[in-house]
Amino acid sequence: MTRISQPLNIQPISRRQHVPKEYLEVAEGMETQFAQHLLTEMRKTVDKNSPSSSAQKIYESMQDLERAKIIAKSDHGLGVKDLVLDQIYPAHRGQAYLNNDTFRPESISSTTGEGNE
């Protein structure tokens, strides 16, 4: 029986490893803004026992921003980053995505569709 003396250092392959840094920063920034807005609006739905001070509001705002950044940096965020990358850098999905024939907007003509047979 062989024995492994050192643990294997296997890094997961990021599906965004070939996306230019500038595009990724833009997409993450948009997901951060969306997630922060979402968290802020969700916070408004919680009943509070006493009114918040200005310091408490600033703290909660900063906390929402940091949580939004964490969400945006993760590979399994809200999906806004992927939607933005689809629009500004479609090649990030790879050749399999680009060769997919299931839906292409240019293949739809005005004479096809429901009720036009």
PDB file of N, CA and C in Angstrom:
ATOM      1  N   MET A   1       0.840  -1.165   0.000  1.00  0.00           N
ATOM      2  CA  MET A   1       0.000   0.000   0.000  1.00  0.00           C
ATOM      3  C   MET A   1       0.894   1.240   0.000  1.00  0.00           C
ATOM      4  N   THR A   2       0.623   2.146  -0.937  1.00  0.00           N
ATOM      5  CA  THR A   2       1.432   3.358  -1.012  1.00  0.00           C
ATOM      6  C   THR A   2       0.898   4.407  -0.061  1.00  0.00           C
ATOM      7  N   ARG A   3       1.799   5.213   0.351  1.00  0.00           N
ATOM      8  CA  ARG A   3       1.436   6.229   1.327  1.00  0.00           C
ATOM      9  C   ARG A   3       1.748   7.599   0.747  1.00  0.00           C
ATOM     10  N   ILE A   4       0.807   8.506   0.845  1.00  0.00           N
ATOM     11  CA  ILE A   4       1.013   9.870   0.363  1.00  0.00           C
ATOM     12  C   ILE A   4       1.612  10.680   1.491  1.00  0.00           C
ATOM     13  N   SER A   5       2.800  11.218   1.245  1.00  0.00           N
ATOM     14  CA  SER A   5       3.475  11.947   2.305  1.00  0.00           C
ATOM     15  C   SER A   5       2.971  13.382   2.435  1.00  0.00           C
ATOM     16  N   GLN A   6       2.545  13.977   1.320  1.00  0.00           N
ATOM     17  CA  GLN A   6       2.035  15.350   1.360  1.00  0.00           C
ATOM     18  C   GLN A   6       0.643  15.388   0.748  1.00  0.00           C
ATOM     19  N   PRO A   7      -0.225  16.207   1.287  1.00  0.00           N
ATOM     20  CA  PRO A   7      -1.554  16.312   0.689  1.00  0.00           C
ATOM     21  C   PRO A   7      -1.453  16.976  -0.682  1.00  0.00           C
ATOM     22  N   LEU A   8      -2.324  16.563  -1.560  1.00  0.00           N
ATOM     23  CA  LEU A   8      -2.358  17.148  -2.892  1.00  0.00           C
ATOM     24  C   LEU A   8      -2.910  18.559  -2.820  1.00  0.00           C
ATOM     25  N   ASN A   9      -2.268  19.453  -3.519  1.00  0.00           N
ATOM     26  CA  ASN A   9      -2.716  20.839  -3.554  1.00  0.00           C
ATOM     27  C   ASN A   9      -3.487  21.059  -4.855  1.00  0.00           C
ATOM     28  N   ILE A  10      -4.740  20.688  -4.846  1.00  0.00           N
ATOM     29  CA  ILE A  10      -5.580  20.810  -6.038  1.00  0.00           C
ATOM     30  C   ILE A  10      -6.428  22.060  -5.909  1.00  0.00           C
ATOM     31  N   GLN A  11      -6.234  22.964  -6.851  1.00  0.00           N
ATOM     32  CA  GLN A  11      -7.007  24.204  -6.876  1.00  0.00           C
ATOM     33  C   GLN A  11      -8.174  24.043  -7.836  1.00  0.00           C
ATOM     34  N   PRO A  12      -9.360  24.464  -7.442  1.00  0.00           N
ATOM     35  CA  PRO A  12     -10.488  24.378  -8.370  1.00  0.00           C
ATOM     36  C   PRO A  12     -10.264  25.309  -9.564  1.00  0.00           C
ATOM     37  N   ILE A  13     -10.692  24.857 -10.725  1.00  0.00           N
ATOM     38  CA  ILE A  13     -10.553  25.667 -11.926  1.00  0.00           C
ATOM     39  C   ILE A  13     -11.718  26.654 -11.979  1.00  0.00           C
ATOM     40  N   SER A  14     -11.369  27.919 -12.037  1.00  0.00           N
ATOM     41  CA  SER A  14     -12.388  28.947 -12.092  1.00  0.00           C
ATOM     42  C   SER A  14     -12.934  29.030 -13.502  1.00  0.00           C
ATOM     43  N   ARG A  15     -14.241  29.124 -13.622  1.00  0.00           N
ATOM     44  CA  ARG A  15     -14.829  29.232 -14.957  1.00  0.00           C
ATOM     45  C   ARG A  15     -14.628  30.624 -15.541  1.00  0.00           C
ATOM     46  N   ARG A  16     -14.096  31.536 -14.742  1.00  0.00           N
ATOM     47  CA  ARG A  16     -13.845  32.892 -15.219  1.00  0.00           C
ATOM     48  C   ARG A  16     -12.352  33.210 -15.301  1.00  0.00           C
ATOM     49  N   GLN A  17     -11.516  32.194 -15.362  1.00  0.00           N
ATOM     50  CA  GLN A  17     -10.070  32.418 -15.327  1.00  0.00           C
ATOM     51  C   GLN A  17      -9.544  33.127 -16.563  1.00  0.00           C
ATOM     52  N   HIS A  18     -10.251  33.053 -17.696  1.00  0.00           N
ATOM     53  CA  HIS A  18      -9.770  33.680 -18.923  1.00  0.00           C
ATOM     54  C   HIS A  18     -10.450  35.019 -19.205  1.00  0.00           C
ATOM     55  N   VAL A  19     -11.295  35.468 -18.310  1.00  0.00           N
ATOM     56  CA  VAL A  19     -11.971  36.755 -18.485  1.00  0.00           C
ATOM     57  C   VAL A  19     -11.001  37.868 -18.099  1.00  0.00           C
ATOM     58  N   PRO A  20     -10.841  38.878 -18.957  1.00  0.00           N
ATOM     59  CA  PRO A  20      -9.954  39.990 -18.589  1.00  0.00           C
ATOM     60  C   PRO A  20     -10.394  40.638 -17.276  1.00  0.00           C
ATOM     61  N   LYS A  21      -9.420  41.061 -16.505  1.00  0.00           N
ATOM     62  CA  LYS A  21      -9.665  41.602 -15.162  1.00  0.00           C
ATOM     63  C   LYS A  21     -10.640  42.781 -15.190  1.00  0.00           C
ATOM     64  N   GLU A  22     -10.531  43.638 -16.203  1.00  0.00           N
ATOM     65  CA  GLU A  22     -11.391  44.827 -16.286  1.00  0.00           C
ATOM     66  C   GLU A  22     -12.861  44.437 -16.414  1.00  0.00           C
ATOM     67  N   TYR A  23     -13.141  43.430 -17.250  1.00  0.00           N
ATOM     68  CA  TYR A  23     -14.523  42.977 -17.433  1.00  0.00           C
ATOM     69  C   TYR A  23     -15.072  42.359 -16.154  1.00  0.00           C
ATOM     70  N   LEU A  24     -14.226  41.584 -15.494  1.00  0.00           N
ATOM     71  CA  LEU A  24     -14.648  40.933 -14.256  1.00  0.00           C
ATOM     72  C   LEU A  24     -14.935  41.964 -13.165  1.00  0.00           C
ATOM     73  N   GLU A  25     -14.112  43.022 -13.101  1.00  0.00           N
ATOM     74  CA  GLU A  25     -14.337  44.080 -12.110  1.00  0.00           C
ATOM     75  C   GLU A  25     -15.653  44.808 -12.365  1.00  0.00           C
ATOM     76  N   VAL A  26     -15.959  45.067 -13.631  1.00  0.00           N
ATOM     77  CA  VAL A  26     -17.230  45.734 -13.964  1.00  0.00           C
ATOM     78  C   VAL A  26     -18.408  44.858 -13.560  1.00  0.00           C
ATOM     79  N   ALA A  27     -18.342  43.576 -13.910  1.00  0.00           N
ATOM     80  CA  ALA A  27     -19.435  42.657 -13.589  1.00  0.00           C
ATOM     81  C   ALA A  27     -19.605  42.492 -12.081  1.00  0.00           C
ATOM     82  N   GLU A  28     -18.491  42.375 -11.361  1.00  0.00           N
ATOM     83  CA  GLU A  28     -18.564  42.254  -9.898  1.00  0.00           C
ATOM     84  C   GLU A  28     -19.094  43.536  -9.275  1.00  0.00           C
ATOM     85  N   GLY A  29     -18.714  44.682  -9.837  1.00  0.00           N
ATOM     86  CA  GLY A  29     -19.215  45.952  -9.330  1.00  0.00           C
ATOM     87  C   GLY A  29     -20.726  46.072  -9.473  1.00  0.00           C
ATOM     88  N   MET A  30     -21.243  45.626 -10.607  1.00  0.00           N
ATOM     89  CA  MET A  30     -22.688  45.692 -10.804  1.00  0.00           C
ATOM     90  C   MET A  30     -23.416  44.726  -9.879  1.00  0.00           C
ATOM     91  N   GLU A  31     -22.841  43.533  -9.677  1.00  0.00           N
ATOM     92  CA  GLU A  31     -23.464  42.590  -8.748  1.00  0.00           C
ATOM     93  C   GLU A  31     -23.386  43.114  -7.317  1.00  0.00           C
ATOM     94  N   THR A  32     -22.302  43.791  -6.971  1.00  0.00           N
ATOM     95  CA  THR A  32     -22.178  44.385  -5.640  1.00  0.00           C
ATOM     96  C   THR A  32     -23.255  45.438  -5.421  1.00  0.00           C
ATOM     97  N   GLN A  33     -23.459  46.305  -6.408  1.00  0.00           N
ATOM     98  CA  GLN A  33     -24.486  47.341  -6.279  1.00  0.00           C
ATOM     99  C   GLN A  33     -25.870  46.727  -6.130  1.00  0.00           C
ATOM    100  N   PHE A  34     -26.155  45.709  -6.935  1.00  0.00           N
ATOM    101  CA  PHE A  34     -27.462  45.060  -6.857  1.00  0.00           C
ATOM    102  C   PHE A  34     -27.655  44.380  -5.512  1.00  0.00           C
ATOM    103  N   ALA A  35     -26.638  43.645  -5.064  1.00  0.00           N
ATOM    104  CA  ALA A  35     -26.746  42.935  -3.787  1.00  0.00           C
ATOM    105  C   ALA A  35     -26.876  43.914  -2.621  1.00  0.00           C
ATOM    106  N   GLN A  36     -26.151  45.029  -2.677  1.00  0.00           N
ATOM    107  CA  GLN A  36     -26.255  46.020  -1.607  1.00  0.00           C
ATOM    108  C   GLN A  36     -27.663  46.616  -1.568  1.00  0.00           C
ATOM    109  N   HIS A  37     -28.199  46.931  -2.726  1.00  0.00           N
ATOM    110  CA  HIS A  37     -29.569  47.476  -2.773  1.00  0.00           C
ATOM    111  C   HIS A  37     -30.558  46.449  -2.230  1.00  0.00           C
ATOM    112  N   LEU A  38     -30.378  45.190  -2.610  1.00  0.00           N
ATOM    113  CA  LEU A  38     -31.246  44.122  -2.137  1.00  0.00           C
ATOM    114  C   LEU A  38     -31.180  43.992  -0.616  1.00  0.00           C
ATOM    115  N   LEU A  39     -29.977  43.984  -0.070  1.00  0.00           N
ATOM    116  CA  LEU A  39     -29.817  43.870   1.385  1.00  0.00           C
ATOM    117  C   LEU A  39     -30.403  45.076   2.120  1.00  0.00           C
ATOM    118  N   THR A  40     -30.210  46.267   1.557  1.00  0.00           N
ATOM    119  CA  THR A  40     -30.743  47.480   2.178  1.00  0.00           C
ATOM    120  C   THR A  40     -32.263  47.449   2.210  1.00  0.00           C
ATOM    121  N   GLU A  41     -32.861  47.054   1.098  1.00  0.00           N
ATOM    122  CA  GLU A  41     -34.324  46.987   1.048  1.00  0.00           C
ATOM    123  C   GLU A  41     -34.865  45.896   1.954  1.00  0.00           C
ATOM    124  N   MET A  42     -34.157  44.789   2.052  1.00  0.00           N
ATOM    125  CA  MET A  42     -34.592  43.718   2.954  1.00  0.00           C
ATOM    126  C   MET A  42     -34.521  44.174   4.405  1.00  0.00           C
ATOM    127  N   ARG A  43     -33.506  44.955   4.729  1.00  0.00           N
ATOM    128  CA  ARG A  43     -33.358  45.447   6.097  1.00  0.00           C
ATOM    129  C   ARG A  43     -34.542  46.339   6.487  1.00  0.00           C
ATOM    130  N   LYS A  44     -35.076  47.070   5.519  1.00  0.00           N
ATOM    131  CA  LYS A  44     -36.207  47.963   5.794  1.00  0.00           C
ATOM    132  C   LYS A  44     -37.471  47.210   6.188  1.00  0.00           C
ATOM    133  N   THR A  45     -37.558  45.933   5.843  1.00  0.00           N
ATOM    134  CA  THR A  45     -38.763  45.162   6.148  1.00  0.00           C
ATOM    135  C   THR A  45     -38.791  44.640   7.580  1.00  0.00           C
ATOM    136  N   VAL A  46     -37.662  44.751   8.291  1.00  0.00           N
ATOM    137  CA  VAL A  46     -37.569  44.245   9.658  1.00  0.00           C
ATOM    138  C   VAL A  46     -38.053  45.317  10.633  1.00  0.00           C
ATOM    139  N   ASP A  47     -38.996  44.933  11.484  1.00  0.00           N
ATOM    140  CA  ASP A  47     -39.470  45.868  12.506  1.00  0.00           C
ATOM    141  C   ASP A  47     -38.396  46.076  13.565  1.00  0.00           C
ATOM    142  N   LYS A  48     -38.240  47.327  13.982  1.00  0.00           N
ATOM    143  CA  LYS A  48     -37.239  47.649  14.994  1.00  0.00           C
ATOM    144  C   LYS A  48     -37.943  48.116  16.264  1.00  0.00           C
ATOM    145  N   ASN A  49     -37.357  47.794  17.407  1.00  0.00           N
ATOM    146  CA  ASN A  49     -37.929  48.184  18.693  1.00  0.00           C
ATOM    147  C   ASN A  49     -37.753  49.673  18.952  1.00  0.00           C
ATOM    148  N   SER A  50     -36.630  50.213  18.522  1.00  0.00           N
ATOM    149  CA  SER A  50     -36.377  51.637  18.734  1.00  0.00           C
ATOM    150  C   SER A  50     -35.771  52.221  17.458  1.00  0.00           C
ATOM    151  N   PRO A  51     -35.905  53.517  17.271  1.00  0.00           N
ATOM    152  CA  PRO A  51     -35.328  54.131  16.070  1.00  0.00           C
ATOM    153  C   PRO A  51     -33.799  54.021  16.071  1.00  0.00           C
ATOM    154  N   SER A  52     -33.249  53.876  14.886  1.00  0.00           N
ATOM    155  CA  SER A  52     -31.793  53.744  14.746  1.00  0.00           C
ATOM    156  C   SER A  52     -31.128  55.109  14.790  1.00  0.00           C
ATOM    157  N   SER A  53     -29.978  55.160  15.420  1.00  0.00           N
ATOM    158  CA  SER A  53     -29.184  56.387  15.429  1.00  0.00           C
ATOM    159  C   SER A  53     -28.465  56.512  14.085  1.00  0.00           C
ATOM    160  N   SER A  54     -27.901  57.681  13.826  1.00  0.00           N
ATOM    161  CA  SER A  54     -27.166  57.863  12.574  1.00  0.00           C
ATOM    162  C   SER A  54     -25.951  56.946  12.531  1.00  0.00           C
ATOM    163  N   ALA A  55     -25.311  56.716  13.670  1.00  0.00           N
ATOM    164  CA  ALA A  55     -24.163  55.806  13.726  1.00  0.00           C
ATOM    165  C   ALA A  55     -24.591  54.379  13.393  1.00  0.00           C
ATOM    166  N   GLN A  56     -25.741  53.962  13.890  1.00  0.00           N
ATOM    167  CA  GLN A  56     -26.256  52.622  13.606  1.00  0.00           C
ATOM    168  C   GLN A  56     -26.568  52.479  12.124  1.00  0.00           C
ATOM    169  N   LYS A  57     -27.141  53.526  11.513  1.00  0.00           N
ATOM    170  CA  LYS A  57     -27.460  53.483  10.080  1.00  0.00           C
ATOM    171  C   LYS A  57     -26.199  53.396   9.233  1.00  0.00           C
ATOM    172  N   ILE A  58     -25.167  54.134   9.616  1.00  0.00           N
ATOM    173  CA  ILE A  58     -23.891  54.080   8.888  1.00  0.00           C
ATOM    174  C   ILE A  58     -23.271  52.692   9.024  1.00  0.00           C
ATOM    175  N   TYR A  59     -23.291  52.147  10.225  1.00  0.00           N
ATOM    176  CA  TYR A  59     -22.739  50.815  10.455  1.00  0.00           C
ATOM    177  C   TYR A  59     -23.470  49.778   9.612  1.00  0.00           C
ATOM    178  N   GLU A  60     -24.799  49.828   9.596  1.00  0.00           N
ATOM    179  CA  GLU A  60     -25.584  48.866   8.821  1.00  0.00           C
ATOM    180  C   GLU A  60     -25.328  49.026   7.327  1.00  0.00           C
ATOM    181  N   SER A  61     -25.157  50.249   6.878  1.00  0.00           N
ATOM    182  CA  SER A  61     -24.848  50.498   5.471  1.00  0.00           C
ATOM    183  C   SER A  61     -23.503  49.901   5.090  1.00  0.00           C
ATOM    184  N   MET A  62     -22.507  50.100   5.953  1.00  0.00           N
ATOM    185  CA  MET A  62     -21.184  49.531   5.703  1.00  0.00           C
ATOM    186  C   MET A  62     -21.222  48.006   5.748  1.00  0.00           C
ATOM    187  N   GLN A  63     -22.007  47.473   6.656  1.00  0.00           N
ATOM    188  CA  GLN A  63     -22.146  46.030   6.766  1.00  0.00           C
ATOM    189  C   GLN A  63     -22.812  45.455   5.509  1.00  0.00           C
ATOM    190  N   ASP A  64     -23.835  46.131   5.003  1.00  0.00           N
ATOM    191  CA  ASP A  64     -24.498  45.696   3.775  1.00  0.00           C
ATOM    192  C   ASP A  64     -23.528  45.722   2.594  1.00  0.00           C
ATOM    193  N   LEU A  65     -22.702  46.750   2.520  1.00  0.00           N
ATOM    194  CA  LEU A  65     -21.734  46.856   1.435  1.00  0.00           C
ATOM    195  C   LEU A  65     -20.724  45.715   1.478  1.00  0.00           C
ATOM    196  N   GLU A  66     -20.205  45.411   2.656  1.00  0.00           N
ATOM    197  CA  GLU A  66     -19.222  44.325   2.777  1.00  0.00           C
ATOM    198  C   GLU A  66     -19.850  42.974   2.457  1.00  0.00           C
ATOM    199  N   ARG A  67     -21.075  42.759   2.892  1.00  0.00           N
ATOM    200  CA  ARG A  67     -21.763  41.510   2.554  1.00  0.00           C
ATOM    201  C   ARG A  67     -21.991  41.418   1.051  1.00  0.00           C
ATOM    202  N   ALA A  68     -22.350  42.538   0.435  1.00  0.00           N
ATOM    203  CA  ALA A  68     -22.576  42.563  -1.015  1.00  0.00           C
ATOM    204  C   ALA A  68     -21.289  42.251  -1.774  1.00  0.00           C
ATOM    205  N   LYS A  69     -20.160  42.762  -1.287  1.00  0.00           N
ATOM    206  CA  LYS A  69     -18.871  42.464  -1.927  1.00  0.00           C
ATOM    207  C   LYS A  69     -18.552  40.974  -1.845  1.00  0.00           C
ATOM    208  N   ILE A  70     -18.840  40.363  -0.702  1.00  0.00           N
ATOM    209  CA  ILE A  70     -18.590  38.933  -0.526  1.00  0.00           C
ATOM    210  C   ILE A  70     -19.471  38.130  -1.476  1.00  0.00           C
ATOM    211  N   ILE A  71     -20.720  38.522  -1.585  1.00  0.00           N
ATOM    212  CA  ILE A  71     -21.643  37.841  -2.508  1.00  0.00           C
ATOM    213  C   ILE A  71     -21.134  37.951  -3.939  1.00  0.00           C
ATOM    214  N   ALA A  72     -20.703  39.136  -4.335  1.00  0.00           N
ATOM    215  CA  ALA A  72     -20.255  39.364  -5.712  1.00  0.00           C
ATOM    216  C   ALA A  72     -18.966  38.614  -6.025  1.00  0.00           C
ATOM    217  N   LYS A  73     -18.085  38.466  -5.061  1.00  0.00           N
ATOM    218  CA  LYS A  73     -16.808  37.770  -5.293  1.00  0.00           C
ATOM    219  C   LYS A  73     -16.975  36.262  -5.383  1.00  0.00           C
ATOM    220  N   SER A  74     -18.038  35.730  -4.811  1.00  0.00           N
ATOM    221  CA  SER A  74     -18.203  34.277  -4.801  1.00  0.00           C
ATOM    222  C   SER A  74     -18.586  33.771  -6.193  1.00  0.00           C
ATOM    223  N   ASP A  75     -18.295  32.497  -6.428  1.00  0.00           N
ATOM    224  CA  ASP A  75     -18.662  31.889  -7.712  1.00  0.00           C
ATOM    225  C   ASP A  75     -20.157  31.622  -7.812  1.00  0.00           C
ATOM    226  N   HIS A  76     -20.829  31.563  -6.690  1.00  0.00           N
ATOM    227  CA  HIS A  76     -22.259  31.268  -6.686  1.00  0.00           C
ATOM    228  C   HIS A  76     -23.030  32.436  -6.091  1.00  0.00           C
ATOM    229  N   GLY A  77     -22.883  33.596  -6.691  1.00  0.00           N
ATOM    230  CA  GLY A  77     -23.562  34.794  -6.210  1.00  0.00           C
ATOM    231  C   GLY A  77     -25.006  34.822  -6.672  1.00  0.00           C
ATOM    232  N   LEU A  78     -25.483  35.994  -6.964  1.00  0.00           N
ATOM    233  CA  LEU A  78     -26.868  36.160  -7.389  1.00  0.00           C
ATOM    234  C   LEU A  78     -27.073  35.901  -8.875  1.00  0.00           C
ATOM    235  N   GLY A  79     -25.996  35.848  -9.638  1.00  0.00           N
ATOM    236  CA  GLY A  79     -26.105  35.599 -11.067  1.00  0.00           C
ATOM    237  C   GLY A  79     -26.013  36.844 -11.929  1.00  0.00           C
ATOM    238  N   VAL A  80     -26.000  38.003 -11.304  1.00  0.00           N
ATOM    239  CA  VAL A  80     -25.904  39.258 -12.053  1.00  0.00           C
ATOM    240  C   VAL A  80     -24.563  39.338 -12.777  1.00  0.00           C
ATOM    241  N   LYS A  81     -23.512  38.875 -12.127  1.00  0.00           N
ATOM    242  CA  LYS A  81     -22.172  38.913 -12.727  1.00  0.00           C
ATOM    243  C   LYS A  81     -22.151  38.120 -14.035  1.00  0.00           C
ATOM    244  N   ASP A  82     -22.766  36.940 -14.039  1.00  0.00           N
ATOM    245  CA  ASP A  82     -22.814  36.132 -15.256  1.00  0.00           C
ATOM    246  C   ASP A  82     -23.632  36.803 -16.350  1.00  0.00           C
ATOM    247  N   LEU A  83     -24.734  37.420 -15.978  1.00  0.00           N
ATOM    248  CA  LEU A  83     -25.555  38.117 -16.971  1.00  0.00           C
ATOM    249  C   LEU A  83     -24.802  39.282 -17.603  1.00  0.00           C
ATOM    250  N   VAL A  84     -24.082  40.025 -16.786  1.00  0.00           N
ATOM    251  CA  VAL A  84     -23.303  41.151 -17.302  1.00  0.00           C
ATOM    252  C   VAL A  84     -22.181  40.646 -18.195  1.00  0.00           C
ATOM    253  N   LEU A  85     -21.483  39.595 -17.761  1.00  0.00           N
ATOM    254  CA  LEU A  85     -20.407  39.042 -18.580  1.00  0.00           C
ATOM    255  C   LEU A  85     -20.930  38.483 -19.899  1.00  0.00           C
ATOM    256  N   ASP A  86     -22.123  37.910 -19.892  1.00  0.00           N
ATOM    257  CA  ASP A  86     -22.730  37.441 -21.144  1.00  0.00           C
ATOM    258  C   ASP A  86     -22.874  38.576 -22.149  1.00  0.00           C
ATOM    259  N   GLN A  87     -23.169  39.759 -21.655  1.00  0.00           N
ATOM    260  CA  GLN A  87     -23.382  40.902 -22.543  1.00  0.00           C
ATOM    261  C   GLN A  87     -22.083  41.578 -22.964  1.00  0.00           C
ATOM    262  N   ILE A  88     -21.148  41.740 -22.036  1.00  0.00           N
ATOM    263  CA  ILE A  88     -19.943  42.509 -22.375  1.00  0.00           C
ATOM    264  C   ILE A  88     -18.778  41.643 -22.827  1.00  0.00           C
ATOM    265  N   TYR A  89     -18.801  40.343 -22.498  1.00  0.00           N
ATOM    266  CA  TYR A  89     -17.711  39.448 -22.890  1.00  0.00           C
ATOM    267  C   TYR A  89     -18.281  38.044 -23.084  1.00  0.00           C
ATOM    268  N   PRO A  90     -19.021  37.822 -24.179  1.00  0.00           N
ATOM    269  CA  PRO A  90     -19.689  36.527 -24.387  1.00  0.00           C
ATOM    270  C   PRO A  90     -18.731  35.335 -24.453  1.00  0.00           C
ATOM    271  N   ALA A  91     -17.478  35.557 -24.780  1.00  0.00           N
ATOM    272  CA  ALA A  91     -16.532  34.451 -24.901  1.00  0.00           C
ATOM    273  C   ALA A  91     -16.229  33.790 -23.559  1.00  0.00           C
ATOM    274  N   HIS A  92     -16.673  34.375 -22.459  1.00  0.00           N
ATOM    275  CA  HIS A  92     -16.362  33.785 -21.153  1.00  0.00           C
ATOM    276  C   HIS A  92     -17.048  32.447 -20.950  1.00  0.00           C
ATOM    277  N   ARG A  93     -18.091  32.162 -21.717  1.00  0.00           N
ATOM    278  CA  ARG A  93     -18.798  30.889 -21.595  1.00  0.00           C
ATOM    279  C   ARG A  93     -18.079  29.760 -22.316  1.00  0.00           C
ATOM    280  N   GLY A  94     -17.153  30.086 -23.186  1.00  0.00           N
ATOM    281  CA  GLY A  94     -16.384  29.062 -23.885  1.00  0.00           C
ATOM    282  C   GLY A  94     -17.015  28.660 -25.203  1.00  0.00           C
ATOM    283  N   GLN A  95     -16.319  27.814 -25.940  1.00  0.00           N
ATOM    284  CA  GLN A  95     -16.744  27.392 -27.258  1.00  0.00           C
ATOM    285  C   GLN A  95     -18.055  26.628 -27.221  1.00  0.00           C
ATOM    286  N   ALA A  96     -18.292  25.819 -26.198  1.00  0.00           N
ATOM    287  CA  ALA A  96     -19.534  25.039 -26.138  1.00  0.00           C
ATOM    288  C   ALA A  96     -20.741  25.965 -26.107  1.00  0.00           C
ATOM    289  N   TYR A  97     -20.624  27.062 -25.396  1.00  0.00           N
ATOM    290  CA  TYR A  97     -21.719  28.015 -25.321  1.00  0.00           C
ATOM    291  C   TYR A  97     -21.910  28.726 -26.658  1.00  0.00           C
ATOM    292  N   LEU A  98     -20.806  29.096 -27.303  1.00  0.00           N
ATOM    293  CA  LEU A  98     -20.899  29.825 -28.558  1.00  0.00           C
ATOM    294  C   LEU A  98     -21.423  28.963 -29.694  1.00  0.00           C
ATOM    295  N   ASN A  99     -21.212  27.635 -29.626  1.00  0.00           N
ATOM    296  CA  ASN A  99     -21.674  26.736 -30.670  1.00  0.00           C
ATOM    297  C   ASN A  99     -23.063  26.178 -30.394  1.00  0.00           C
ATOM    298  N   ASN A 100     -23.695  26.576 -29.320  1.00  0.00           N
ATOM    299  CA  ASN A 100     -25.003  26.065 -28.952  1.00  0.00           C
ATOM    300  C   ASN A 100     -26.045  26.572 -29.941  1.00  0.00           C
ATOM    301  N   ASP A 101     -26.781  25.655 -30.572  1.00  0.00           N
ATOM    302  CA  ASP A 101     -27.784  26.019 -31.572  1.00  0.00           C
ATOM    303  C   ASP A 101     -29.197  26.060 -31.007  1.00  0.00           C
ATOM    304  N   THR A 102     -29.361  25.975 -29.695  1.00  0.00           N
ATOM    305  CA  THR A 102     -30.709  25.934 -29.143  1.00  0.00           C
ATOM    306  C   THR A 102     -31.435  27.262 -29.270  1.00  0.00           C
ATOM    307  N   PHE A 103     -30.727  28.370 -29.177  1.00  0.00           N
ATOM    308  CA  PHE A 103     -31.376  29.665 -29.309  1.00  0.00           C
ATOM    309  C   PHE A 103     -30.406  30.679 -29.867  1.00  0.00           C
ATOM    310  N   ARG A 104     -30.764  31.242 -30.967  1.00  0.00           N
ATOM    311  CA  ARG A 104     -30.001  32.328 -31.568  1.00  0.00           C
ATOM    312  C   ARG A 104     -30.998  33.378 -32.023  1.00  0.00           C
ATOM    313  N   PRO A 105     -30.933  34.573 -31.486  1.00  0.00           N
ATOM    314  CA  PRO A 105     -31.900  35.609 -31.851  1.00  0.00           C
ATOM    315  C   PRO A 105     -31.941  35.892 -33.348  1.00  0.00           C
ATOM    316  N   GLU A 106     -30.799  35.786 -34.040  1.00  0.00           N
ATOM    317  CA  GLU A 106     -30.796  36.093 -35.469  1.00  0.00           C
ATOM    318  C   GLU A 106     -31.515  35.033 -36.288  1.00  0.00           C
ATOM    319  N   SER A 107     -31.785  33.846 -35.695  1.00  0.00           N
ATOM    320  CA  SER A 107     -32.471  32.793 -36.434  1.00  0.00           C
ATOM    321  C   SER A 107     -33.986  32.940 -36.386  1.00  0.00           C
ATOM    322  N   ILE A 108     -34.478  33.902 -35.638  1.00  0.00           N
ATOM    323  CA  ILE A 108     -35.916  34.118 -35.538  1.00  0.00           C
ATOM    324  C   ILE A 108     -36.341  35.129 -36.590  1.00  0.00           C
ATOM    325  N   SER A 109     -37.285  34.731 -37.410  1.00  0.00           N
ATOM    326  CA  SER A 109     -37.795  35.679 -38.401  1.00  0.00           C
ATOM    327  C   SER A 109     -39.208  36.065 -38.030  1.00  0.00           C
ATOM    328  N   SER A 110     -39.692  37.116 -38.632  1.00  0.00           N
ATOM    329  CA  SER A 110     -41.022  37.628 -38.280  1.00  0.00           C
ATOM    330  C   SER A 110     -42.144  36.728 -38.782  1.00  0.00           C
ATOM    331  N   THR A 111     -41.858  35.795 -39.689  1.00  0.00           N
ATOM    332  CA  THR A 111     -42.897  34.929 -40.227  1.00  0.00           C
ATOM    333  C   THR A 111     -43.031  33.625 -39.471  1.00  0.00           C
ATOM    334  N   THR A 112     -42.105  33.362 -38.532  1.00  0.00           N
ATOM    335  CA  THR A 112     -42.189  32.126 -37.762  1.00  0.00           C
ATOM    336  C   THR A 112     -42.676  32.439 -36.361  1.00  0.00           C
ATOM    337  N   GLY A 113     -43.144  31.415 -35.684  1.00  0.00           N
ATOM    338  CA  GLY A 113     -43.600  31.595 -34.313  1.00  0.00           C
ATOM    339  C   GLY A 113     -44.991  31.044 -34.157  1.00  0.00           C
ATOM    340  N   GLU A 114     -45.583  31.264 -33.014  1.00  0.00           N
ATOM    341  CA  GLU A 114     -46.894  30.737 -32.737  1.00  0.00           C
ATOM    342  C   GLU A 114     -47.954  31.386 -33.606  1.00  0.00           C
ATOM    343  N   GLY A 115     -48.766  30.585 -34.200  1.00  0.00           N
ATOM    344  CA  GLY A 115     -49.896  31.094 -34.994  1.00  0.00           C
ATOM    345  C   GLY A 115     -49.518  31.556 -36.383  1.00  0.00           C
ATOM    346  N   ASN A 116     -48.266  31.446 -36.797  1.00  0.00           N
ATOM    347  CA  ASN A 116     -47.845  31.891 -38.120  1.00  0.00           C
ATOM    348  C   ASN A 116     -47.504  30.742 -39.048  1.00  0.00           C
ATOM    349  N   GLU A 117     -48.052  29.526 -38.771  1.00  0.00           N
ATOM    350  CA  GLU A 117     -47.726  28.389 -39.610  1.00  0.00           C
ATOM    351  C   GLU A 117     -48.450  28.464 -40.918  1.00  0.00           C
TER     352      GLU A 117
END
